[in-house]
Amino acid sequence: MYIIIDKCAPTTFLFVRDAGKVAMFRSMTAYGRHTSAEGGREITVELRSVNSKYLDISVKIPRVLAPLEARIKSALSAHGISRGRVDVFISYENTDSGNVAFGIDEGYASAYIETLRVFRDKFGLSDDISVMTVAQDRNIFTTHTVEEDPEDVWLAIKPALDAAAEEFVAERCREGTNLMGDLKSKIAGMRELVDKIDALSAGDTQGIKEKIRARIETILADNRVTVDENRLLTECAIWADRIAIDEELVRLRSHLFALEAMMEIDEPVGRKFDFQLQEAGREINTIGSKCQNAEIAGLVVQLKNEAEKIREQIQNIE
């Protein structure tokens, strides 16, 4: 077991993970397929999924597999599939001859043999009516499939289902890795924008304080009013603090760090990621409403654009 901790972040985040576990940052879109033909059974399992807020598994199977639908869904959940619209298609055919029972349509056979006798007598034909002669008419025979034990059927389809699910999850992980790389790049870009805003803000706050003071002094001078210097400085400082964005920048950095840290934990994070991004968006909006600097305003617009791109991407995360 080991701990991930960032002491440099404004807020300390701590995640405990088991050694050897891989971060479960997965896409919700994937495809998996497996076919097997053993013991006279031909089985094909197909899995495909698209984005969904919750887990929604739709199973399309032959009638013989109907009693197994709940077990099929449980087996997929056991593979860690926890979110997305998942369509499951399973084809099943038992070609084993032991699975088919033969019978005779006695009414049809009697009528057929009697017709042969009439035909023989009417035209004076030699009597060669035999089993093989009669058997040439396949309509005499009836067939039906022997009902299979659901447990035997489950044991037959389970390996194919597991193999398709493994391929399906592996594709989700591959796509998730690609998404992770893109999101990390975008978050790093947002960090750079935050640093630029921070640098501009430090000088901007002091400048605003001086402008406010100069403006008040001009108004008071025009109206021949004198004011206590200390009181004036205090009021200017209070007003400047109201439009300062230091706290918002600290919280925004914390949210960005949390987003990066979520990519390293071994559980589905899509909804948590979305929530954390919403919190970051609130801080960005507050910074935009407070800023008095055109350059900072331009950087805030860039931050919003990057946040929106991230929001679009995380709709694909499990």
Protein backbone atom coordinates (compact mmCIF):
# COMPACT_ATOMS: atom_id res chain seq x y z
CA MET A 1 0.00 0.00 0.00
CA TYR A 2 1.28 3.48 -0.78
CA ILE A 3 0.14 7.09 -0.48
CA ILE A 4 -0.04 9.85 -3.10
CA ILE A 5 0.33 13.28 -1.51
CA ASP A 6 1.12 16.71 -2.93
CA LYS A 7 2.60 19.06 -0.33
CA CYS A 8 2.97 21.87 -2.85
CA ALA A 9 -0.74 22.12 -3.57
CA PRO A 10 -2.67 24.85 -1.71
CA THR A 11 -4.87 22.10 -0.27
CA THR A 12 -3.36 18.71 0.57
CA PHE A 13 -5.03 15.77 -1.16
CA LEU A 14 -4.31 12.24 -0.03
CA PHE A 15 -5.20 9.01 -1.82
CA VAL A 16 -4.36 5.53 -0.56
CA ARG A 17 -3.85 2.87 -3.21
CA ASP A 18 -2.85 -0.77 -3.21
CA ALA A 19 0.44 -1.48 -4.91
CA GLY A 20 0.03 -3.11 -8.27
CA LYS A 21 -3.43 -1.72 -8.99
CA VAL A 22 -3.90 0.25 -12.20
CA ALA A 23 -5.80 3.52 -12.24
CA MET A 24 -9.31 2.80 -13.54
CA PHE A 25 -9.70 5.73 -15.92
CA ARG A 26 -11.90 4.24 -18.61
CA SER A 27 -13.91 5.37 -21.57
CA MET A 28 -17.59 4.43 -21.70
CA THR A 29 -17.48 3.56 -25.40
CA ALA A 30 -16.07 0.16 -26.38
CA TYR A 31 -16.65 -3.06 -28.31
CA GLY A 32 -15.84 -6.67 -27.48
CA ARG A 33 -16.57 -9.94 -29.29
CA HIS A 34 -15.79 -13.61 -28.80
CA THR A 35 -16.86 -16.77 -30.62
CA SER A 36 -16.46 -20.35 -29.43
CA ALA A 37 -17.45 -23.74 -30.83
CA GLU A 38 -16.99 -26.56 -28.35
CA GLY A 39 -19.01 -29.62 -27.37
CA GLY A 40 -21.40 -29.15 -30.26
CA ARG A 41 -22.30 -25.64 -29.12
CA GLU A 42 -21.68 -22.54 -31.24
CA ILE A 43 -21.66 -19.36 -29.17
CA THR A 44 -20.99 -15.75 -30.13
CA VAL A 45 -20.99 -12.91 -27.59
CA GLU A 46 -20.90 -9.24 -28.64
CA LEU A 47 -20.70 -6.25 -26.31
CA ARG A 48 -20.92 -2.61 -27.35
CA SER A 49 -21.52 0.52 -25.31
CA VAL A 50 -22.15 4.25 -25.53
CA ASN A 51 -22.28 7.04 -22.95
CA SER A 52 -24.91 7.00 -20.23
CA LYS A 53 -25.22 8.66 -16.85
CA TYR A 54 -25.81 5.30 -15.16
CA LEU A 55 -25.24 1.62 -15.93
CA ASP A 56 -27.88 0.31 -18.34
CA ILE A 57 -27.34 -3.24 -19.63
CA SER A 58 -29.64 -4.43 -22.44
CA VAL A 59 -29.45 -8.17 -23.14
CA LYS A 60 -30.65 -9.70 -26.42
CA ILE A 61 -30.49 -13.50 -26.27
CA PRO A 62 -32.23 -16.63 -27.63
CA ARG A 63 -35.16 -18.05 -25.67
CA VAL A 64 -33.06 -20.91 -24.30
CA LEU A 65 -30.85 -18.34 -22.52
CA ALA A 66 -33.71 -16.29 -21.04
CA PRO A 67 -33.36 -17.78 -17.51
CA LEU A 68 -29.72 -16.62 -17.49
CA GLU A 69 -30.26 -12.89 -18.16
CA ALA A 70 -29.71 -11.81 -14.55
CA ARG A 71 -26.53 -13.90 -14.31
CA ILE A 72 -25.23 -12.40 -17.55
CA LYS A 73 -25.69 -8.88 -16.15
CA SER A 74 -24.04 -9.82 -12.86
CA ALA A 75 -21.08 -11.35 -14.68
CA LEU A 76 -20.52 -8.10 -16.61
CA SER A 77 -20.70 -6.05 -13.42
CA ALA A 78 -18.12 -8.40 -11.89
CA HIS A 79 -15.72 -7.31 -14.66
CA GLY A 80 -15.92 -3.75 -13.30
CA ILE A 81 -18.39 -2.40 -15.86
CA SER A 82 -20.21 0.23 -13.82
CA ARG A 83 -21.45 2.92 -16.20
CA GLY A 84 -22.71 3.33 -19.76
CA ARG A 85 -25.40 1.91 -22.02
CA VAL A 86 -24.16 -1.63 -22.72
CA ASP A 87 -25.83 -3.76 -25.39
CA VAL A 88 -25.24 -7.51 -25.12
CA PHE A 89 -25.90 -9.83 -28.07
CA ILE A 90 -25.53 -13.59 -27.62
CA SER A 91 -26.20 -16.19 -30.30
CA TYR A 92 -26.38 -19.82 -29.17
CA GLU A 93 -26.83 -23.04 -31.13
CA ASN A 94 -26.46 -26.60 -29.93
CA THR A 95 -25.61 -28.76 -32.96
CA ASP A 96 -24.95 -31.91 -30.92
CA SER A 97 -27.03 -34.79 -32.33
CA GLY A 98 -27.70 -35.92 -28.79
CA ASN A 99 -29.67 -32.75 -28.31
CA VAL A 100 -32.29 -33.77 -30.92
CA ALA A 101 -35.02 -36.43 -30.41
CA PHE A 102 -36.62 -38.20 -33.41
CA GLY A 103 -40.16 -39.56 -33.63
CA ILE A 104 -42.67 -40.83 -36.20
CA ASP A 105 -45.84 -39.16 -37.35
CA GLU A 106 -47.88 -42.36 -37.18
CA GLY A 107 -50.99 -40.95 -38.85
CA TYR A 108 -49.01 -39.64 -41.78
CA ALA A 109 -47.00 -42.90 -42.03
CA SER A 110 -50.15 -45.06 -42.10
CA ALA A 111 -51.77 -42.98 -44.82
CA TYR A 112 -48.55 -42.95 -46.83
CA ILE A 113 -48.06 -46.75 -46.66
CA GLU A 114 -51.72 -47.38 -47.52
CA THR A 115 -51.36 -45.10 -50.54
CA LEU A 116 -48.34 -47.08 -51.69
CA ARG A 117 -50.33 -50.31 -51.45
CA VAL A 118 -53.18 -48.87 -53.50
CA PHE A 119 -50.67 -47.69 -56.08
CA ARG A 120 -49.10 -51.19 -56.19
CA ASP A 121 -52.40 -53.02 -56.60
CA LYS A 122 -53.92 -50.64 -59.14
CA PHE A 123 -50.99 -50.85 -61.51
CA GLY A 124 -49.86 -54.38 -60.77
CA LEU A 125 -46.47 -53.38 -59.49
CA SER A 126 -44.07 -55.68 -57.70
CA ASP A 127 -44.28 -55.45 -53.92
CA ASP A 128 -41.06 -53.75 -52.86
CA ILE A 129 -42.49 -51.62 -50.04
CA SER A 130 -39.78 -51.65 -47.39
CA VAL A 131 -38.47 -49.57 -44.50
CA MET A 132 -36.00 -47.76 -46.75
CA THR A 133 -38.67 -47.11 -49.37
CA VAL A 134 -40.97 -45.56 -46.82
CA ALA A 135 -38.13 -43.67 -45.10
CA GLN A 136 -37.45 -41.73 -48.28
CA ASP A 137 -40.38 -39.47 -47.36
CA ARG A 138 -38.87 -37.29 -44.61
CA ASN A 139 -42.31 -36.02 -43.59
CA ILE A 140 -42.82 -39.29 -41.76
CA PHE A 141 -40.29 -38.26 -39.12
CA THR A 142 -40.69 -35.67 -36.40
CA THR A 143 -37.86 -33.97 -34.52
CA HIS A 144 -37.68 -31.78 -31.45
CA THR A 145 -34.89 -30.28 -29.41
CA VAL A 146 -34.35 -31.68 -25.95
CA GLU A 147 -34.65 -28.98 -23.28
CA GLU A 148 -31.20 -28.22 -21.91
CA ASP A 149 -30.31 -27.76 -18.28
CA PRO A 150 -29.82 -23.98 -17.71
CA GLU A 151 -26.78 -24.70 -15.53
CA ASP A 152 -25.12 -26.64 -18.37
CA VAL A 153 -25.92 -23.80 -20.77
CA TRP A 154 -24.45 -21.26 -18.35
CA LEU A 155 -21.22 -23.25 -18.01
CA ALA A 156 -21.02 -23.28 -21.81
CA ILE A 157 -21.55 -19.56 -22.43
CA LYS A 158 -19.69 -18.19 -19.38
CA PRO A 159 -16.15 -18.55 -20.88
CA ALA A 160 -17.24 -16.78 -24.08
CA LEU A 161 -18.94 -14.04 -22.06
CA ASP A 162 -15.83 -13.54 -19.93
CA ALA A 163 -13.55 -13.42 -22.97
CA ALA A 164 -15.75 -10.81 -24.69
CA ALA A 165 -15.96 -8.78 -21.46
CA GLU A 166 -12.18 -8.80 -21.06
CA GLU A 167 -11.71 -7.51 -24.61
CA PHE A 168 -14.44 -4.94 -23.99
CA VAL A 169 -12.87 -3.65 -20.74
CA ALA A 170 -9.39 -3.61 -22.32
CA GLU A 171 -10.69 -1.34 -25.08
CA ARG A 172 -12.30 0.92 -22.49
CA CYS A 173 -8.97 1.16 -20.71
CA ARG A 174 -7.05 1.92 -23.92
CA GLU A 175 -9.46 4.69 -24.83
CA GLY A 176 -9.40 5.92 -21.24
CA THR A 177 -5.61 6.19 -21.37
CA ASN A 178 -5.89 8.36 -24.48
CA LEU A 179 -8.49 10.55 -22.78
CA MET A 180 -6.30 10.83 -19.71
CA GLY A 181 -3.36 12.12 -21.74
CA ASP A 182 -5.53 14.73 -23.42
CA LEU A 183 -7.11 15.86 -20.14
CA LYS A 184 -3.75 16.13 -18.38
CA SER A 185 -2.51 18.33 -21.19
CA LYS A 186 -5.57 20.57 -20.96
CA ILE A 187 -5.36 20.83 -17.16
CA ALA A 188 -1.65 21.71 -17.41
CA GLY A 189 -2.63 24.47 -19.85
CA MET A 190 -5.18 25.76 -17.34
CA ARG A 191 -2.51 25.80 -14.64
CA GLU A 192 -0.35 28.02 -16.86
CA LEU A 193 -3.25 30.41 -17.40
CA VAL A 194 -3.88 30.54 -13.64
CA ASP A 195 -0.20 31.39 -13.04
CA LYS A 196 -0.42 34.23 -15.57
CA ILE A 197 -3.57 35.57 -13.93
CA ASP A 198 -1.91 35.34 -10.52
CA ALA A 199 1.11 37.33 -11.72
CA LEU A 200 -1.08 40.03 -13.26
CA SER A 201 -3.40 40.13 -10.26
CA ALA A 202 -0.65 40.93 -7.75
CA GLY A 203 0.19 44.21 -9.46
CA ASP A 204 -3.38 44.86 -10.51
CA THR A 205 -4.73 44.90 -6.94
CA GLN A 206 -2.17 47.47 -5.81
CA GLY A 207 -2.86 49.57 -8.89
CA ILE A 208 -6.60 49.51 -8.25
CA LYS A 209 -6.02 50.56 -4.65
CA GLU A 210 -4.02 53.59 -5.81
CA LYS A 211 -6.64 54.52 -8.42
CA ILE A 212 -9.42 54.38 -5.84
CA ARG A 213 -7.43 56.54 -3.44
CA ALA A 214 -6.61 59.09 -6.13
CA ARG A 215 -10.23 59.26 -7.24
CA ILE A 216 -11.56 59.74 -3.71
CA GLU A 217 -8.98 62.41 -2.95
CA THR A 218 -9.97 64.30 -6.12
CA ILE A 219 -13.68 64.17 -5.23
CA LEU A 220 -13.02 65.28 -1.66
CA ALA A 221 -10.74 68.10 -2.83
CA ASP A 222 -13.34 69.34 -5.30
CA ASN A 223 -15.87 69.50 -2.48
CA ARG A 224 -13.37 70.97 -0.01
CA VAL A 225 -13.78 68.04 2.35
CA THR A 226 -10.97 66.73 4.50
CA VAL A 227 -10.76 63.12 5.65
CA ASP A 228 -8.59 61.16 8.02
CA GLU A 229 -5.67 59.71 6.06
CA ASN A 230 -5.69 56.42 7.97
CA ARG A 231 -9.42 56.01 7.40
CA LEU A 232 -8.96 56.67 3.70
CA LEU A 233 -6.21 54.07 3.43
CA THR A 234 -8.35 51.54 5.31
CA GLU A 235 -11.38 52.05 3.08
CA CYS A 236 -9.26 51.78 -0.07
CA ALA A 237 -7.69 48.57 1.21
CA ILE A 238 -11.13 47.09 2.05
CA TRP A 239 -12.46 47.91 -1.42
CA ALA A 240 -9.37 46.51 -3.10
CA ASP A 241 -9.69 43.31 -1.07
CA ARG A 242 -13.27 42.89 -2.27
CA ILE A 243 -12.08 42.68 -5.85
CA ALA A 244 -8.93 40.68 -5.07
CA ILE A 245 -8.92 37.15 -6.50
CA ASP A 246 -6.21 35.53 -4.37
CA GLU A 247 -8.60 33.16 -2.59
CA GLU A 248 -10.31 32.14 -5.81
CA LEU A 249 -6.95 31.36 -7.40
CA VAL A 250 -5.99 29.18 -4.42
CA ARG A 251 -9.26 27.24 -4.62
CA LEU A 252 -9.02 26.94 -8.40
CA ARG A 253 -5.53 25.45 -8.13
CA SER A 254 -6.89 23.01 -5.55
CA HIS A 255 -9.65 21.87 -7.91
CA LEU A 256 -7.20 21.42 -10.78
CA PHE A 257 -4.95 19.33 -8.57
CA ALA A 258 -7.93 17.23 -7.46
CA LEU A 259 -8.82 16.59 -11.11
CA GLU A 260 -5.30 15.35 -11.82
CA ALA A 261 -5.26 13.20 -8.67
CA MET A 262 -8.56 11.54 -9.62
CA MET A 263 -6.90 10.04 -12.67
CA GLU A 264 -4.73 7.94 -10.36
CA ILE A 265 -7.38 6.31 -8.16
CA ASP A 266 -8.66 2.81 -8.87
CA GLU A 267 -12.40 3.39 -9.06
CA PRO A 268 -14.83 4.93 -11.58
CA VAL A 269 -14.40 8.71 -11.42
CA GLY A 270 -16.56 10.12 -14.23
CA ARG A 271 -19.27 11.67 -12.04
CA LYS A 272 -16.78 12.86 -9.41
CA PHE A 273 -14.66 14.40 -12.15
CA ASP A 274 -17.69 16.24 -13.50
CA PHE A 275 -18.56 17.60 -10.05
CA GLN A 276 -15.01 18.77 -9.38
CA LEU A 277 -14.93 20.52 -12.75
CA GLN A 278 -18.16 22.34 -11.86
CA GLU A 279 -16.48 23.64 -8.71
CA ALA A 280 -13.52 24.84 -10.76
CA GLY A 281 -15.95 26.56 -13.12
CA ARG A 282 -17.50 28.49 -10.24
CA GLU A 283 -14.12 29.87 -9.22
CA ILE A 284 -13.36 30.85 -12.82
CA ASN A 285 -16.68 32.70 -13.06
CA THR A 286 -16.00 34.52 -9.79
CA ILE A 287 -12.56 35.57 -10.99
CA GLY A 288 -14.11 36.86 -14.22
CA SER A 289 -16.72 38.90 -12.35
CA LYS A 290 -14.14 40.46 -10.04
CA CYS A 291 -11.34 41.26 -12.44
CA GLN A 292 -10.83 44.89 -13.53
CA ASN A 293 -8.01 44.11 -15.93
CA ALA A 294 -8.67 43.53 -19.62
CA GLU A 295 -5.70 41.16 -19.93
CA ILE A 296 -6.93 39.06 -17.01
CA ALA A 297 -10.41 39.04 -18.55
CA GLY A 298 -8.94 37.60 -21.75
CA LEU A 299 -7.17 34.86 -19.80
CA VAL A 300 -10.42 34.04 -17.97
CA VAL A 301 -12.12 33.52 -21.33
CA GLN A 302 -9.35 31.09 -22.28
CA LEU A 303 -9.83 29.26 -18.97
CA LYS A 304 -13.55 28.90 -19.65
CA ASN A 305 -12.86 27.55 -23.13
CA GLU A 306 -10.46 24.93 -21.77
CA ALA A 307 -12.90 23.95 -19.01
CA GLU A 308 -15.63 23.46 -21.60
CA LYS A 309 -13.36 21.24 -23.70
CA ILE A 310 -12.64 19.14 -20.62
CA ARG A 311 -16.35 18.94 -19.84
CA GLU A 312 -17.03 17.55 -23.31
CA GLN A 313 -14.29 14.95 -22.91
CA ILE A 314 -15.34 13.70 -19.49
CA GLN A 315 -18.79 12.79 -20.79
CA ASN A 316 -16.97 9.73 -22.17
CA ILE A 317 -15.44 8.70 -18.82
CA GLU A 318 -16.86 5.76 -16.85
